Amino acid sequence: MADFPLHSNFQGDFVPVLVLVDTEDTMDQVAAKCAYHSVGKRVAPRPDKVIRVRRHRAAECLPRDLRVRDAGLQAAETIDVIFADA
């Protein structure tokens, strides 16, 4: 377990946010931590959608159960956090 900083580029938010996650967090947990800083503040909630994580500008989302330590992300890397269909 170790703190790991990521830049969250949340869909619909104009403010990139540095979010501290844990290397043991899954992408679902990363998405939730990023959403905390954007949804309900500068981004409207979308309860009909699932929040997903992908590498910045990548087409495919990372698996929801993938852990940060296994994702190959670099400290302070930018990730896109998007609303997706369930």
C-alpha atoms as a PDB file:
ATOM      1  CA  MET A   1       0.000   0.000   0.000  1.00  0.00           C
ATOM      2  CA  ALA A   2       1.372   3.353  -1.060  1.00  0.00           C
ATOM      3  CA  ASP A   3      -0.009   6.745  -1.941  1.00  0.00           C
ATOM      4  CA  PHE A   4      -0.005   7.405  -5.678  1.00  0.00           C
ATOM      5  CA  PRO A   5      -0.876  10.780  -7.281  1.00  0.00           C
ATOM      6  CA  LEU A   6      -2.851  10.958 -10.543  1.00  0.00           C
ATOM      7  CA  HIS A   7      -4.162  13.946 -12.485  1.00  0.00           C
ATOM      8  CA  SER A   8      -7.885  13.490 -13.029  1.00  0.00           C
ATOM      9  CA  ASN A   9      -9.255  14.894 -16.287  1.00  0.00           C
ATOM     10  CA  PHE A  10     -12.946  14.345 -15.483  1.00  0.00           C
ATOM     11  CA  GLN A  11     -15.422  14.478 -18.369  1.00  0.00           C
ATOM     12  CA  GLY A  12     -17.236  17.814 -18.347  1.00  0.00           C
ATOM     13  CA  ASP A  13     -14.925  19.405 -15.771  1.00  0.00           C
ATOM     14  CA  PHE A  14     -12.709  22.292 -16.798  1.00  0.00           C
ATOM     15  CA  VAL A  15     -10.396  21.848 -13.786  1.00  0.00           C
ATOM     16  CA  PRO A  16      -7.824  19.038 -13.807  1.00  0.00           C
ATOM     17  CA  VAL A  17      -7.427  17.765 -10.261  1.00  0.00           C
ATOM     18  CA  LEU A  18      -4.470  16.036  -8.615  1.00  0.00           C
ATOM     19  CA  VAL A  19      -6.001  13.090  -6.748  1.00  0.00           C
ATOM     20  CA  LEU A  20      -4.154  10.912  -4.279  1.00  0.00           C
ATOM     21  CA  VAL A  21      -5.075   7.237  -4.686  1.00  0.00           C
ATOM     22  CA  ASP A  22      -3.559   4.053  -3.295  1.00  0.00           C
ATOM     23  CA  THR A  23      -1.587   1.503  -5.292  1.00  0.00           C
ATOM     24  CA  GLU A  24      -4.043  -1.154  -4.063  1.00  0.00           C
ATOM     25  CA  ASP A  25      -7.100   0.758  -5.359  1.00  0.00           C
ATOM     26  CA  THR A  26      -9.072  -0.693  -8.253  1.00  0.00           C
ATOM     27  CA  MET A  27     -10.050   1.503 -11.179  1.00  0.00           C
ATOM     28  CA  ASP A  28     -13.576   1.669  -9.713  1.00  0.00           C
ATOM     29  CA  GLN A  29     -12.091   3.095  -6.509  1.00  0.00           C
ATOM     30  CA  VAL A  30      -9.939   5.521  -8.507  1.00  0.00           C
ATOM     31  CA  ALA A  31     -13.035   6.630 -10.431  1.00  0.00           C
ATOM     32  CA  ALA A  32     -14.926   7.219  -7.166  1.00  0.00           C
ATOM     33  CA  LYS A  33     -12.057   9.249  -5.680  1.00  0.00           C
ATOM     34  CA  CYS A  34     -11.867  11.388  -8.814  1.00  0.00           C
ATOM     35  CA  ALA A  35     -15.651  11.818  -8.924  1.00  0.00           C
ATOM     36  CA  TYR A  36     -15.607  13.137  -5.356  1.00  0.00           C
ATOM     37  CA  HIS A  37     -13.709  16.213  -6.561  1.00  0.00           C
ATOM     38  CA  SER A  38     -15.845  16.915  -9.659  1.00  0.00           C
ATOM     39  CA  VAL A  39     -19.360  15.438  -9.553  1.00  0.00           C
ATOM     40  CA  GLY A  40     -21.831  17.674  -7.783  1.00  0.00           C
ATOM     41  CA  LYS A  41     -19.338  20.546  -7.876  1.00  0.00           C
ATOM     42  CA  ARG A  42     -18.601  21.366 -11.529  1.00  0.00           C
ATOM     43  CA  VAL A  43     -20.085  18.248 -13.159  1.00  0.00           C
ATOM     44  CA  ALA A  44     -23.728  17.203 -12.945  1.00  0.00           C
ATOM     45  CA  PRO A  45     -24.367  13.701 -11.559  1.00  0.00           C
ATOM     46  CA  ARG A  46     -25.377  11.070 -14.112  1.00  0.00           C
ATOM     47  CA  PRO A  47     -26.838   8.207 -12.061  1.00  0.00           C
ATOM     48  CA  ASP A  48     -27.688   6.245 -15.223  1.00  0.00           C
ATOM     49  CA  LYS A  49     -23.974   5.927 -16.065  1.00  0.00           C
ATOM     50  CA  VAL A  50     -20.922   4.144 -14.646  1.00  0.00           C
ATOM     51  CA  ILE A  51     -17.761   6.175 -14.035  1.00  0.00           C
ATOM     52  CA  ARG A  52     -14.774   4.629 -15.808  1.00  0.00           C
ATOM     53  CA  VAL A  53     -11.034   5.316 -16.035  1.00  0.00           C
ATOM     54  CA  ARG A  54      -8.870   5.294 -19.143  1.00  0.00           C
ATOM     55  CA  ARG A  55      -5.394   6.481 -20.025  1.00  0.00           C
ATOM     56  CA  HIS A  56      -5.429  10.051 -21.267  1.00  0.00           C
ATOM     57  CA  ARG A  57      -6.863  10.146 -24.802  1.00  0.00           C
ATOM     58  CA  ALA A  58      -7.093   6.353 -25.054  1.00  0.00           C
ATOM     59  CA  ALA A  59     -10.137   4.793 -26.664  1.00  0.00           C
ATOM     60  CA  GLU A  60     -10.528   1.871 -24.268  1.00  0.00           C
ATOM     61  CA  CYS A  61     -11.257   2.060 -20.567  1.00  0.00           C
ATOM     62  CA  LEU A  62      -9.108   0.164 -18.101  1.00  0.00           C
ATOM     63  CA  PRO A  63     -10.712  -2.917 -16.508  1.00  0.00           C
ATOM     64  CA  ARG A  64     -12.763  -1.928 -13.489  1.00  0.00           C
ATOM     65  CA  ASP A  65     -11.045  -4.454 -11.206  1.00  0.00           C
ATOM     66  CA  LEU A  66      -7.486  -3.562 -12.335  1.00  0.00           C
ATOM     67  CA  ARG A  67      -5.362  -2.287  -9.451  1.00  0.00           C
ATOM     68  CA  VAL A  68      -3.277   0.853  -9.776  1.00  0.00           C
ATOM     69  CA  ARG A  69      -0.092  -1.111  -9.073  1.00  0.00           C
ATOM     70  CA  ASP A  70      -0.807  -3.374 -12.072  1.00  0.00           C
ATOM     71  CA  ALA A  71      -1.951  -0.683 -14.509  1.00  0.00           C
ATOM     72  CA  GLY A  72       1.497   0.586 -15.482  1.00  0.00           C
ATOM     73  CA  LEU A  73       0.567   4.162 -14.671  1.00  0.00           C
ATOM     74  CA  GLN A  74       3.255   6.691 -13.803  1.00  0.00           C
ATOM     75  CA  ALA A  75       3.036   8.958 -10.750  1.00  0.00           C
ATOM     76  CA  ALA A  76       1.212  12.199 -11.640  1.00  0.00           C
ATOM     77  CA  GLU A  77       0.085  10.784 -14.999  1.00  0.00           C
ATOM     78  CA  THR A  78      -3.135  12.226 -16.415  1.00  0.00           C
ATOM     79  CA  ILE A  79      -6.088   9.864 -16.644  1.00  0.00           C
ATOM     80  CA  ASP A  80      -9.441  10.519 -18.251  1.00  0.00           C
ATOM     81  CA  VAL A  81     -12.445   9.755 -16.060  1.00  0.00           C
ATOM     82  CA  ILE A  82     -15.629   9.406 -18.072  1.00  0.00           C
ATOM     83  CA  PHE A  83     -19.286   8.489 -17.839  1.00  0.00           C
ATOM     84  CA  ALA A  84     -20.004   5.211 -19.650  1.00  0.00           C
ATOM     85  CA  ASP A  85     -22.971   2.946 -20.172  1.00  0.00           C
ATOM     86  CA  ALA A  86     -23.436   0.283 -17.526  1.00  0.00           C
END
